[in-house]
N, C-alpha and C. Protein backbone atom coordinates (compact mmCIF):
# COMPACT_ATOMS: atom_id res chain seq x y z
N MET A 1 132.28 74.39 91.09
CA MET A 1 131.51 75.16 90.14
C MET A 1 130.61 74.23 89.32
N THR A 2 129.41 74.68 89.05
CA THR A 2 128.51 73.93 88.17
C THR A 2 128.83 74.29 86.72
N PRO A 3 128.38 73.46 85.75
CA PRO A 3 128.63 73.81 84.35
C PRO A 3 128.12 75.20 83.99
N GLU A 4 127.00 75.62 84.58
CA GLU A 4 126.47 76.95 84.32
C GLU A 4 127.43 78.03 84.82
N ASP A 5 128.07 77.80 85.96
CA ASP A 5 129.01 78.77 86.53
C ASP A 5 130.23 78.96 85.65
N HIS A 6 130.60 77.95 84.88
CA HIS A 6 131.79 78.04 84.04
C HIS A 6 131.61 79.06 82.92
N ARG A 7 130.39 79.44 82.61
CA ARG A 7 130.15 80.40 81.54
C ARG A 7 130.36 81.83 82.02
N HIS A 8 130.33 82.07 83.30
CA HIS A 8 130.47 83.41 83.84
C HIS A 8 131.89 83.56 84.39
N TYR A 9 132.69 84.32 83.67
CA TYR A 9 134.11 84.38 83.99
C TYR A 9 134.47 85.50 84.96
N GLY A 10 133.49 86.30 85.38
CA GLY A 10 133.77 87.41 86.29
C GLY A 10 134.51 87.01 87.55
N PRO A 11 134.09 85.94 88.25
CA PRO A 11 134.76 85.58 89.50
C PRO A 11 136.07 84.81 89.30
N TRP A 12 136.43 84.50 88.06
CA TRP A 12 137.65 83.74 87.82
C TRP A 12 138.88 84.61 88.06
N THR A 13 139.92 84.02 88.60
CA THR A 13 141.19 84.73 88.76
C THR A 13 141.90 84.73 87.41
N LYS A 14 142.90 85.60 87.28
CA LYS A 14 143.68 85.64 86.04
C LYS A 14 144.36 84.30 85.79
N GLU A 15 144.79 83.66 86.85
CA GLU A 15 145.43 82.34 86.72
C GLU A 15 144.44 81.31 86.19
N GLU A 16 143.21 81.32 86.70
CA GLU A 16 142.19 80.39 86.22
C GLU A 16 141.85 80.64 84.75
N LEU A 17 141.76 81.92 84.39
CA LEU A 17 141.47 82.26 82.99
C LEU A 17 142.61 81.82 82.07
N HIS A 18 143.83 82.07 82.51
CA HIS A 18 144.99 81.67 81.71
C HIS A 18 145.02 80.15 81.55
N LYS A 19 144.73 79.44 82.62
CA LYS A 19 144.71 77.97 82.55
C LYS A 19 143.61 77.50 81.61
N ALA A 20 142.43 78.13 81.67
CA ALA A 20 141.33 77.76 80.78
C ALA A 20 141.71 78.01 79.32
N GLU A 21 142.35 79.13 79.07
CA GLU A 21 142.79 79.45 77.71
C GLU A 21 143.83 78.45 77.23
N ALA A 22 144.79 78.13 78.08
CA ALA A 22 145.83 77.16 77.71
C ALA A 22 145.23 75.78 77.46
N THR A 23 144.27 75.39 78.28
CA THR A 23 143.61 74.09 78.10
C THR A 23 142.85 74.05 76.78
N ALA A 24 142.12 75.12 76.47
CA ALA A 24 141.38 75.19 75.21
C ALA A 24 142.33 75.14 74.03
N CYS A 25 143.43 75.88 74.12
CA CYS A 25 144.43 75.89 73.05
C CYS A 25 145.01 74.50 72.85
N GLN A 26 145.37 73.85 73.93
CA GLN A 26 145.94 72.50 73.85
C GLN A 26 144.94 71.52 73.25
N PHE A 27 143.69 71.60 73.68
CA PHE A 27 142.65 70.72 73.16
C PHE A 27 142.52 70.88 71.65
N LEU A 28 142.44 72.13 71.18
CA LEU A 28 142.28 72.37 69.75
C LEU A 28 143.51 71.92 68.97
N GLU A 29 144.69 72.13 69.51
CA GLU A 29 145.91 71.68 68.83
C GLU A 29 145.95 70.16 68.73
N GLU A 30 145.60 69.48 69.81
CA GLU A 30 145.66 68.02 69.84
C GLU A 30 144.56 67.37 68.99
N ASN A 31 143.46 68.06 68.81
CA ASN A 31 142.32 67.47 68.12
C ASN A 31 142.00 68.13 66.78
N SER A 32 142.88 69.01 66.31
CA SER A 32 142.58 69.76 65.09
C SER A 32 142.37 68.86 63.88
N ALA A 33 143.15 67.80 63.75
CA ALA A 33 143.00 66.91 62.59
C ALA A 33 141.65 66.19 62.64
N ARG A 34 141.27 65.69 63.80
CA ARG A 34 139.98 65.00 63.93
C ARG A 34 138.80 65.95 63.74
N ILE A 35 138.94 67.16 64.27
CA ILE A 35 137.88 68.16 64.09
C ILE A 35 137.72 68.47 62.60
N ALA A 36 138.84 68.69 61.92
CA ALA A 36 138.80 69.00 60.49
C ALA A 36 138.21 67.83 59.69
N GLU A 37 138.61 66.61 60.02
CA GLU A 37 138.08 65.44 59.31
C GLU A 37 136.57 65.33 59.47
N THR A 38 136.10 65.55 60.66
CA THR A 38 134.66 65.48 60.92
C THR A 38 133.91 66.54 60.13
N MET A 39 134.43 67.76 60.15
CA MET A 39 133.77 68.83 59.42
C MET A 39 133.86 68.61 57.91
N GLN A 40 135.00 68.09 57.43
CA GLN A 40 135.15 67.81 56.00
C GLN A 40 134.17 66.74 55.54
N ALA A 41 133.91 65.75 56.37
CA ALA A 41 132.95 64.70 56.02
C ALA A 41 131.55 65.31 55.85
N LYS A 42 131.20 66.23 56.73
CA LYS A 42 129.90 66.89 56.62
C LYS A 42 129.83 67.76 55.37
N VAL A 43 130.92 68.46 55.08
CA VAL A 43 130.97 69.29 53.88
C VAL A 43 130.86 68.42 52.63
N LYS A 44 131.53 67.28 52.62
CA LYS A 44 131.47 66.37 51.47
C LYS A 44 130.04 65.90 51.25
N PHE A 45 129.35 65.52 52.30
CA PHE A 45 127.96 65.08 52.18
C PHE A 45 127.09 66.23 51.67
N LEU A 46 127.35 67.45 52.16
CA LEU A 46 126.62 68.63 51.70
C LEU A 46 126.86 68.87 50.22
N GLN A 47 128.11 68.74 49.78
CA GLN A 47 128.43 68.90 48.36
C GLN A 47 127.70 67.87 47.51
N ASP A 48 127.65 66.64 47.97
CA ASP A 48 126.93 65.59 47.24
C ASP A 48 125.45 65.93 47.10
N LEU A 49 124.86 66.44 48.16
CA LEU A 49 123.44 66.83 48.10
C LEU A 49 123.23 67.97 47.12
N ILE A 50 124.11 68.93 47.13
CA ILE A 50 123.99 70.07 46.22
C ILE A 50 124.13 69.62 44.77
N GLU A 51 125.04 68.68 44.52
CA GLU A 51 125.17 68.13 43.17
C GLU A 51 123.88 67.43 42.75
N ARG A 52 123.27 66.69 43.65
CA ARG A 52 122.02 65.99 43.34
C ARG A 52 120.91 66.99 43.01
N LEU A 53 120.92 68.14 43.67
CA LEU A 53 119.90 69.15 43.41
C LEU A 53 119.95 69.66 41.97
N SER A 54 121.11 69.60 41.35
CA SER A 54 121.24 70.10 39.98
C SER A 54 120.72 69.12 38.93
N LEU A 55 120.45 67.89 39.33
CA LEU A 55 119.98 66.88 38.38
C LEU A 55 118.52 67.15 38.00
N LYS A 56 118.25 67.14 36.71
CA LYS A 56 116.90 67.41 36.23
C LYS A 56 115.95 66.25 36.46
N GLU A 57 116.49 65.03 36.53
CA GLU A 57 115.62 63.86 36.62
C GLU A 57 115.11 63.55 38.02
N ILE A 58 115.51 64.30 39.03
CA ILE A 58 114.99 64.01 40.37
C ILE A 58 113.62 64.64 40.54
N GLY A 59 112.81 63.99 41.34
CA GLY A 59 111.45 64.45 41.56
C GLY A 59 111.36 65.53 42.62
N PHE A 60 110.19 66.09 42.70
CA PHE A 60 109.91 67.17 43.65
C PHE A 60 110.17 66.73 45.10
N GLN A 61 109.65 65.57 45.48
CA GLN A 61 109.81 65.08 46.85
C GLN A 61 111.29 64.86 47.19
N ASP A 62 112.03 64.28 46.24
CA ASP A 62 113.47 64.07 46.47
C ASP A 62 114.19 65.40 46.62
N ARG A 63 113.83 66.35 45.78
CA ARG A 63 114.46 67.67 45.84
C ARG A 63 114.20 68.31 47.22
N LEU A 64 112.98 68.22 47.70
CA LEU A 64 112.66 68.75 49.04
C LEU A 64 113.46 68.04 50.12
N GLU A 65 113.60 66.72 49.99
CA GLU A 65 114.39 65.94 50.95
C GLU A 65 115.84 66.41 50.95
N TYR A 66 116.39 66.67 49.77
CA TYR A 66 117.79 67.12 49.68
C TYR A 66 117.95 68.50 50.32
N PHE A 67 116.97 69.38 50.10
CA PHE A 67 117.03 70.69 50.76
C PHE A 67 116.98 70.54 52.28
N ALA A 68 116.12 69.68 52.77
CA ALA A 68 116.00 69.47 54.21
C ALA A 68 117.29 68.90 54.79
N ARG A 69 117.87 67.94 54.10
CA ARG A 69 119.14 67.36 54.57
C ARG A 69 120.26 68.38 54.53
N ALA A 70 120.31 69.18 53.45
CA ALA A 70 121.34 70.21 53.33
C ALA A 70 121.23 71.21 54.47
N SER A 71 120.01 71.59 54.80
CA SER A 71 119.79 72.53 55.90
C SER A 71 120.26 71.94 57.22
N GLU A 72 119.94 70.67 57.44
CA GLU A 72 120.35 70.00 58.68
C GLU A 72 121.88 69.91 58.78
N ILE A 73 122.53 69.54 57.70
CA ILE A 73 123.99 69.43 57.71
C ILE A 73 124.63 70.79 57.92
N ALA A 74 124.09 71.82 57.27
CA ALA A 74 124.63 73.17 57.46
C ALA A 74 124.52 73.60 58.92
N ARG A 75 123.40 73.27 59.56
CA ARG A 75 123.25 73.60 60.99
C ARG A 75 124.26 72.84 61.85
N LEU A 76 124.52 71.58 61.49
CA LEU A 76 125.51 70.80 62.24
C LEU A 76 126.91 71.39 62.10
N ILE A 77 127.25 71.81 60.88
CA ILE A 77 128.56 72.44 60.65
C ILE A 77 128.65 73.73 61.45
N GLN A 78 127.59 74.53 61.42
CA GLN A 78 127.58 75.78 62.19
C GLN A 78 127.70 75.50 63.68
N ALA A 79 126.99 74.51 64.17
CA ALA A 79 127.05 74.18 65.60
C ALA A 79 128.46 73.73 65.99
N ASP A 80 129.10 72.94 65.14
CA ASP A 80 130.48 72.52 65.41
C ASP A 80 131.40 73.74 65.48
N ALA A 81 131.32 74.58 64.45
CA ALA A 81 132.19 75.76 64.40
C ALA A 81 131.94 76.69 65.58
N ASP A 82 130.68 76.94 65.89
CA ASP A 82 130.35 77.81 67.02
C ASP A 82 130.85 77.22 68.34
N GLY A 83 130.67 75.93 68.50
CA GLY A 83 131.11 75.27 69.73
C GLY A 83 132.60 75.35 69.94
N PHE A 84 133.36 75.07 68.89
CA PHE A 84 134.81 75.13 69.02
C PHE A 84 135.29 76.57 69.16
N PHE A 85 134.62 77.51 68.49
CA PHE A 85 134.98 78.92 68.66
C PHE A 85 134.73 79.36 70.09
N ASP A 86 133.57 79.01 70.63
CA ASP A 86 133.26 79.37 72.02
C ASP A 86 134.26 78.76 72.99
N LEU A 87 134.58 77.50 72.76
CA LEU A 87 135.53 76.81 73.62
C LEU A 87 136.86 77.56 73.66
N ALA A 88 137.31 77.99 72.51
CA ALA A 88 138.63 78.61 72.43
C ALA A 88 138.63 80.09 72.78
N SER A 89 137.56 80.80 72.47
CA SER A 89 137.61 82.25 72.60
C SER A 89 137.13 82.80 73.93
N GLN A 90 136.18 82.14 74.57
CA GLN A 90 135.60 82.75 75.77
C GLN A 90 136.60 82.97 76.90
N PRO A 91 137.47 82.04 77.23
CA PRO A 91 138.44 82.34 78.29
C PRO A 91 139.34 83.52 77.93
N MET A 92 139.75 83.62 76.66
CA MET A 92 140.60 84.72 76.24
C MET A 92 139.83 86.04 76.30
N VAL A 93 138.60 86.05 75.83
CA VAL A 93 137.78 87.25 75.87
C VAL A 93 137.56 87.69 77.32
N ALA A 94 137.28 86.74 78.19
CA ALA A 94 137.07 87.07 79.60
C ALA A 94 138.33 87.68 80.21
N ARG A 95 139.48 87.14 79.84
CA ARG A 95 140.73 87.68 80.39
C ARG A 95 140.96 89.11 79.89
N ILE A 96 140.68 89.35 78.62
CA ILE A 96 140.85 90.69 78.06
C ILE A 96 139.89 91.66 78.73
N LEU A 97 138.63 91.26 78.88
CA LEU A 97 137.66 92.13 79.52
C LEU A 97 138.03 92.42 80.97
N GLY A 98 138.68 91.48 81.61
CA GLY A 98 139.10 91.68 82.99
C GLY A 98 140.16 92.76 83.15
N THR A 99 140.83 93.14 82.06
CA THR A 99 141.85 94.18 82.13
C THR A 99 141.28 95.56 81.84
N VAL A 100 140.03 95.63 81.39
CA VAL A 100 139.40 96.92 81.07
C VAL A 100 138.85 97.53 82.35
N PRO A 101 139.21 98.79 82.64
CA PRO A 101 138.66 99.45 83.83
C PRO A 101 137.13 99.52 83.74
N LEU A 102 136.45 99.42 84.89
CA LEU A 102 135.00 99.38 84.92
C LEU A 102 134.36 100.61 84.26
N ASP A 103 134.98 101.78 84.37
CA ASP A 103 134.38 102.98 83.79
C ASP A 103 134.47 102.98 82.26
N GLN A 104 135.26 102.07 81.66
CA GLN A 104 135.36 101.97 80.21
C GLN A 104 134.55 100.80 79.67
N ALA A 105 134.09 99.92 80.52
CA ALA A 105 133.36 98.73 80.07
C ALA A 105 131.95 99.07 79.66
């Protein structure tokens, strides 16, 4: 299977879906501390930027730079969360959808 084929779970057997779900679960359990640390570091940097925005003595250009950085960090946090959610949920969702009769889908 190519990486693109892995996104389409229709041809997967129940065993393959269960294995994919178990693998995703194991990955998240084994890496949860590192994932949290990485996301917390981004949140900390975002908090620092937001605190800087409240300072009256910063100039217009600096304020714009802080907004741009905050936006970038927020997108990175969202991308991380979306990626890990997709990793964990898609095999389970595919397995659930596989149990729904075609006339109800």
